[in-house]
């Protein structure tokens, strides 16, 4: 089997001073990529900072024979996002891969969460994704090549209690991913989402005693594939957890058509509306929006 390498490629990886991000950086560097280690060294809730975290990670990459620089700008601001991308351009003159992995976490009851606490998660996970991908996207399109990997979560699909900001952020990355994939298709830019499951410092406070092995090294190869030039998909989501790799996607039931509806009609037809026996799984980057309209209008016209 031919080894898939990243020789000559430049990869920016946010939140790569520790945990999953560092494992991604380490893998890509071992395959020849030049890495921008971006990490402001903040605590789990996003507060504070430690500039040594990124530098120590970059030093580890270099000690293992790779190329890496440290960048401590924050993804939470537009200025920080631009600076992170510019670090790659200033050092190596290009950006081929953007992996947005930076994240923070906190647990708050929805009834009492403050706007500031909610926004602290949105700023890093969702706006942070925009802040780094938007400036990188233009350079990728101009070069005619790019790979973007965003970080979602099963918490964005299924969600847990006390995670409003996190859940909203991760769900929002799905829309951003689709836009990047659709608008980037004509320019050789692909974008996908990783839904990782790994025991890192973000699992602090959770009871993981019954978990199977869930190291970051079980997730990194999937991210490595999505970041590689051979990646055959775009606008998709991949679960990677404990050695299980799967595709996640949004689907809808065909439902039923009536020329008029009442509240009672909805109630009486609820089972048929929700019937999952035949699902529509429409691909965002393969004309899914138009196909949705086409199928829906066909039902109205009695054609399906």
Protein backbone atom coordinates (compact mmCIF):
# COMPACT_ATOMS: atom_id res chain seq x y z
CA UNK A 1 0.00 0.00 0.00
CA UNK A 2 1.44 3.37 -1.02
CA UNK A 3 1.91 5.75 1.90
CA UNK A 4 -0.15 8.91 1.56
CA UNK A 5 2.19 11.80 2.24
CA UNK A 6 1.97 15.57 2.61
CA UNK A 7 5.36 16.57 1.23
CA UNK A 8 5.33 20.24 0.28
CA UNK A 9 1.95 20.85 1.94
CA UNK A 10 1.39 23.41 4.70
CA UNK A 11 -1.21 22.63 7.35
CA UNK A 12 -2.66 25.04 9.91
CA UNK A 13 -4.15 23.22 12.88
CA UNK A 14 -5.93 25.20 15.56
CA UNK A 15 -5.91 23.96 19.13
CA UNK A 16 -2.99 21.69 18.31
CA UNK A 17 -0.84 22.24 21.36
CA UNK A 18 -2.43 19.29 23.13
CA UNK A 19 -4.88 16.42 22.77
CA UNK A 20 -6.49 15.64 19.45
CA UNK A 21 -4.99 18.62 17.66
CA UNK A 22 -1.45 17.68 18.56
CA UNK A 23 -2.05 14.11 17.39
CA UNK A 24 -3.25 15.45 14.03
CA UNK A 25 -0.19 17.68 13.78
CA UNK A 26 2.16 14.88 14.71
CA UNK A 27 0.69 12.52 12.10
CA UNK A 28 0.74 15.03 9.26
CA UNK A 29 4.25 16.18 10.15
CA UNK A 30 5.46 12.58 10.12
CA UNK A 31 4.12 12.36 6.55
CA UNK A 32 5.99 15.48 5.41
CA UNK A 33 3.61 18.36 6.13
CA UNK A 34 4.84 21.66 7.50
CA UNK A 35 2.68 22.58 10.47
CA UNK A 36 1.44 25.75 12.09
CA UNK A 37 0.74 24.77 15.69
CA UNK A 38 -1.92 27.22 16.81
CA UNK A 39 -2.86 27.24 20.48
CA UNK A 40 -3.26 30.07 22.98
CA UNK A 41 -2.94 27.68 25.90
CA UNK A 42 -6.26 28.64 27.48
CA UNK A 43 -8.02 26.68 30.19
CA UNK A 44 -10.93 24.35 29.46
CA UNK A 45 -13.48 27.14 29.75
CA UNK A 46 -11.48 29.33 27.39
CA UNK A 47 -10.10 31.68 30.01
CA UNK A 48 -6.46 32.60 30.49
CA UNK A 49 -3.61 31.53 28.27
CA UNK A 50 -0.16 29.98 28.19
CA UNK A 51 2.05 30.79 25.22
CA UNK A 52 4.43 27.95 26.06
CA UNK A 53 1.86 25.30 25.06
CA UNK A 54 2.13 25.96 21.31
CA UNK A 55 5.91 26.35 21.40
CA UNK A 56 6.43 23.13 23.31
CA UNK A 57 4.24 21.27 20.82
CA UNK A 58 6.16 22.75 17.87
CA UNK A 59 9.44 21.79 19.56
CA UNK A 60 8.21 18.20 19.95
CA UNK A 61 7.33 18.04 16.26
CA UNK A 62 10.79 19.33 15.33
CA UNK A 63 12.48 16.92 17.72
CA UNK A 64 10.75 14.09 15.86
CA UNK A 65 12.12 15.34 12.54
CA UNK A 66 9.18 17.45 11.38
CA UNK A 67 8.75 21.12 10.52
CA UNK A 68 6.56 23.29 12.71
CA UNK A 69 6.11 26.80 14.01
CA UNK A 70 4.11 28.04 16.98
CA UNK A 71 1.28 30.56 16.74
CA UNK A 72 -0.59 31.78 19.82
CA UNK A 73 -3.26 34.02 18.28
CA UNK A 74 -6.85 33.32 19.30
CA UNK A 75 -9.41 31.93 16.87
CA UNK A 76 -12.10 33.83 18.76
CA UNK A 77 -11.48 37.10 16.89
CA UNK A 78 -11.39 37.95 13.20
CA UNK A 79 -7.97 39.51 13.70
CA UNK A 80 -6.72 36.34 15.36
CA UNK A 81 -8.05 34.16 12.57
CA UNK A 82 -6.32 36.24 9.92
CA UNK A 83 -3.07 36.20 11.90
CA UNK A 84 -3.15 32.41 12.17
CA UNK A 85 -3.47 32.02 8.41
CA UNK A 86 -0.89 34.73 7.82
CA UNK A 87 1.61 32.82 9.96
CA UNK A 88 1.56 30.03 7.37
CA UNK A 89 1.85 32.47 4.48
CA UNK A 90 4.69 34.43 6.07
CA UNK A 91 6.68 31.29 6.86
CA UNK A 92 6.04 29.05 3.86
CA UNK A 93 4.10 31.18 1.38
CA UNK A 94 1.06 28.91 1.17
CA UNK A 95 -1.74 27.17 3.04
CA UNK A 96 -3.01 23.81 1.80
CA UNK A 97 -4.79 22.37 4.83
CA UNK A 98 -6.85 24.05 7.54
CA UNK A 99 -7.99 21.92 10.46
CA UNK A 100 -10.11 23.78 12.98
CA UNK A 101 -9.81 21.80 16.17
CA UNK A 102 -9.68 24.53 18.84
CA UNK A 103 -12.39 24.22 21.43
CA UNK A 104 -13.46 24.93 24.97
CA UNK A 105 -16.14 23.48 27.18
CA UNK A 106 -18.35 24.28 30.13
CA UNK A 107 -21.55 22.91 31.58
CA UNK A 108 -24.47 25.23 32.33
CA UNK A 109 -28.19 24.66 32.80
CA UNK A 110 -30.09 26.21 29.92
CA UNK A 111 -32.43 27.96 32.36
CA UNK A 112 -29.58 29.85 34.02
CA UNK A 113 -26.77 30.10 31.45
CA UNK A 114 -25.59 33.67 30.97
CA UNK A 115 -25.23 35.23 27.52
CA UNK A 116 -21.52 35.62 28.24
CA UNK A 117 -21.09 31.92 29.01
CA UNK A 118 -23.07 30.95 25.90
CA UNK A 119 -21.06 33.32 23.71
CA UNK A 120 -17.74 32.07 25.10
CA UNK A 121 -18.36 28.72 23.40
CA UNK A 122 -19.84 30.14 20.20
CA UNK A 123 -16.80 32.42 19.81
CA UNK A 124 -14.31 29.56 19.80
CA UNK A 125 -16.12 26.65 18.17
CA UNK A 126 -18.35 28.30 15.57
CA UNK A 127 -17.13 31.85 15.02
CA UNK A 128 -13.61 30.52 15.44
CA UNK A 129 -14.23 28.17 12.54
CA UNK A 130 -15.37 31.10 10.40
CA UNK A 131 -12.51 33.31 11.55
CA UNK A 132 -9.85 30.92 10.28
CA UNK A 133 -11.55 29.30 7.30
CA UNK A 134 -12.72 32.52 5.66
CA UNK A 135 -9.24 34.04 5.18
CA UNK A 136 -7.77 30.64 4.29
CA UNK A 137 -10.50 29.96 1.72
CA UNK A 138 -9.49 32.81 -0.57
CA UNK A 139 -5.88 31.66 -0.71
CA UNK A 140 -6.94 28.07 -1.35
CA UNK A 141 -9.29 29.06 -4.17
CA UNK A 142 -6.60 31.20 -5.77
CA UNK A 143 -4.16 28.28 -5.59
CA UNK A 144 -6.77 25.87 -6.95
CA UNK A 145 -6.39 23.50 -4.03
CA UNK A 146 -7.37 23.19 -0.40
CA UNK A 147 -8.54 20.84 2.29
CA UNK A 148 -10.63 22.02 5.24
CA UNK A 149 -11.51 19.81 8.21
CA UNK A 150 -13.91 21.24 10.76
CA UNK A 151 -14.64 19.69 14.13
CA UNK A 152 -18.20 18.78 14.92
CA UNK A 153 -19.46 16.47 17.63
CA UNK A 154 -22.14 13.94 18.32
CA UNK A 155 -23.04 16.66 20.82
CA UNK A 156 -24.10 18.71 17.82
CA UNK A 157 -26.24 15.86 16.48
CA UNK A 158 -27.72 14.31 19.62
CA UNK A 159 -26.62 16.65 22.42
CA UNK A 160 -26.31 16.28 26.20
CA UNK A 161 -27.78 18.29 29.07
CA UNK A 162 -26.02 21.52 30.10
CA UNK A 163 -24.27 22.01 26.74
CA UNK A 164 -26.32 24.66 24.95
CA UNK A 165 -23.39 26.71 23.63
CA UNK A 166 -21.43 23.65 22.62
CA UNK A 167 -24.39 21.96 20.91
CA UNK A 168 -25.36 25.06 18.96
CA UNK A 169 -21.75 25.64 17.88
CA UNK A 170 -21.22 22.11 16.66
CA UNK A 171 -24.55 22.02 14.84
CA UNK A 172 -23.65 25.31 13.18
CA UNK A 173 -20.44 23.89 11.73
CA UNK A 174 -22.58 21.67 9.50
CA UNK A 175 -23.91 24.67 7.60
CA UNK A 176 -20.47 26.26 7.37
CA UNK A 177 -18.98 23.01 6.11
CA UNK A 178 -21.59 22.76 3.37
CA UNK A 179 -20.99 26.33 2.20
CA UNK A 180 -17.22 25.85 2.01
CA UNK A 181 -17.63 22.56 0.15
CA UNK A 182 -20.20 23.92 -2.32
CA UNK A 183 -18.43 27.20 -3.06
CA UNK A 184 -15.02 25.56 -3.08
CA UNK A 185 -15.88 22.72 -5.46
CA UNK A 186 -14.99 24.67 -8.59
CA UNK A 187 -11.62 25.62 -7.08
CA UNK A 188 -10.34 22.27 -5.86
CA UNK A 189 -11.27 22.98 -2.24
CA UNK A 190 -12.93 20.23 -0.21
CA UNK A 191 -14.36 20.52 3.28
CA UNK A 192 -15.50 17.85 5.71
CA UNK A 193 -16.29 17.45 9.40
CA UNK A 194 -14.76 15.08 11.92
CA UNK A 195 -16.97 14.01 14.84
CA UNK A 196 -14.27 12.74 17.20
CA UNK A 197 -14.59 10.69 20.34
CA UNK A 198 -11.45 10.67 22.47
CA UNK A 199 -10.54 10.97 26.11
CA UNK A 200 -8.59 14.22 26.37
CA UNK A 201 -8.57 17.01 28.95
CA UNK A 202 -12.02 18.06 27.66
CA UNK A 203 -13.35 14.86 29.24
CA UNK A 204 -12.35 16.08 32.71
CA UNK A 205 -15.27 15.72 35.11
CA UNK A 206 -16.88 12.90 33.13
CA UNK A 207 -16.89 9.30 34.34
CA UNK A 208 -14.85 7.52 31.66
CA UNK A 209 -14.05 4.43 33.74
CA UNK A 210 -16.26 2.19 31.58
CA UNK A 211 -15.07 3.58 28.25
CA UNK A 212 -13.09 1.38 25.86
CA UNK A 213 -9.70 2.68 24.63
CA UNK A 214 -10.39 6.15 23.20
CA UNK A 215 -7.03 7.69 22.44
CA UNK A 216 -6.57 10.58 19.96
CA UNK A 217 -4.42 8.29 17.82
CA UNK A 218 -7.60 6.42 16.82
CA UNK A 219 -9.08 9.62 15.38
CA UNK A 220 -6.02 11.13 13.68
CA UNK A 221 -5.90 8.81 10.63
CA UNK A 222 -9.44 9.79 9.62
CA UNK A 223 -8.52 13.47 9.85
CA UNK A 224 -5.34 12.69 7.92
CA UNK A 225 -7.38 11.18 5.09
CA UNK A 226 -9.81 14.10 4.98
CA UNK A 227 -6.83 16.48 4.83
CA UNK A 228 -5.06 14.56 2.07
CA UNK A 229 -5.13 15.32 -1.65
CA UNK A 230 -6.63 11.87 -2.27
CA UNK A 231 -9.73 12.65 -0.19
CA UNK A 232 -12.63 11.61 -2.41
CA UNK A 233 -15.47 13.31 -0.53
CA UNK A 234 -16.64 16.78 0.42
CA UNK A 235 -19.46 18.19 2.57
CA UNK A 236 -19.56 15.03 4.67
CA UNK A 237 -19.24 14.12 8.35
CA UNK A 238 -17.23 11.24 9.75
CA UNK A 239 -17.48 9.75 13.22
CA UNK A 240 -14.24 8.39 14.69
CA UNK A 241 -14.47 6.86 18.14
CA UNK A 242 -12.65 3.98 19.79
CA UNK A 243 -11.67 2.50 16.44
CA UNK A 244 -15.15 2.86 14.93
CA UNK A 245 -15.29 4.99 11.79
CA UNK A 246 -18.68 5.86 10.28
CA UNK A 247 -20.41 8.43 8.14
CA UNK A 248 -23.08 10.62 9.72
CA UNK A 249 -25.59 12.52 7.61
CA UNK A 250 -28.86 14.41 7.72
CA UNK A 251 -31.90 12.71 6.23
CA UNK A 252 -35.63 13.30 5.99
CA UNK A 253 -38.68 11.13 5.49
CA UNK A 254 -40.58 11.46 2.21
CA UNK A 255 -43.60 12.43 4.24
CA UNK A 256 -46.98 12.84 2.59
CA UNK A 257 -48.67 15.46 0.45
CA UNK A 258 -52.09 17.03 0.96
CA UNK A 259 -53.36 20.12 -0.86
CA UNK A 260 -54.64 21.52 2.44
CA UNK A 261 -53.79 20.89 6.08
CA UNK A 262 -55.40 21.46 9.45
CA UNK A 263 -53.92 20.92 12.88
CA UNK A 264 -56.02 17.78 13.13
CA UNK A 265 -54.71 16.53 9.78
CA UNK A 266 -51.15 16.81 11.06
CA UNK A 267 -52.06 14.90 14.21
CA UNK A 268 -53.86 12.14 12.31
CA UNK A 269 -51.05 11.71 9.79
CA UNK A 270 -48.15 11.99 12.20
CA UNK A 271 -47.12 8.34 11.89
CA UNK A 272 -46.91 8.57 8.09
CA UNK A 273 -45.07 11.89 8.27
CA UNK A 274 -42.48 10.37 10.62
CA UNK A 275 -42.23 6.98 8.86
CA UNK A 276 -38.47 6.31 8.40
CA UNK A 277 -38.84 3.24 6.20
CA UNK A 278 -37.67 5.14 3.11
CA UNK A 279 -35.38 8.09 3.78
CA UNK A 280 -34.15 10.89 1.58
CA UNK A 281 -30.41 11.32 2.12
CA UNK A 282 -29.54 14.29 -0.08
CA UNK A 283 -25.88 15.26 -0.49
CA UNK A 284 -25.14 18.97 0.08
CA UNK A 285 -22.28 19.11 -2.43
CA UNK A 286 -24.14 17.08 -5.03
CA UNK A 287 -27.05 19.43 -5.68
CA UNK A 288 -28.90 18.41 -2.52
CA UNK A 289 -30.77 21.71 -2.18
CA UNK A 290 -32.17 21.54 -5.71
CA UNK A 291 -32.90 17.82 -5.41
CA UNK A 292 -34.90 18.52 -2.26
CA UNK A 293 -37.04 21.05 -4.15
CA UNK A 294 -37.36 18.78 -7.18
CA UNK A 295 -38.58 15.81 -5.15
CA UNK A 296 -40.92 17.95 -3.06
CA UNK A 297 -42.49 19.58 -6.13
CA UNK A 298 -42.83 16.18 -7.81
CA UNK A 299 -44.96 14.98 -4.87
CA UNK A 300 -47.15 18.07 -5.18
CA UNK A 301 -47.65 17.33 -8.87
CA UNK A 302 -48.47 13.68 -8.10
CA UNK A 303 -45.32 12.40 -9.79
CA UNK A 304 -43.85 10.60 -6.79
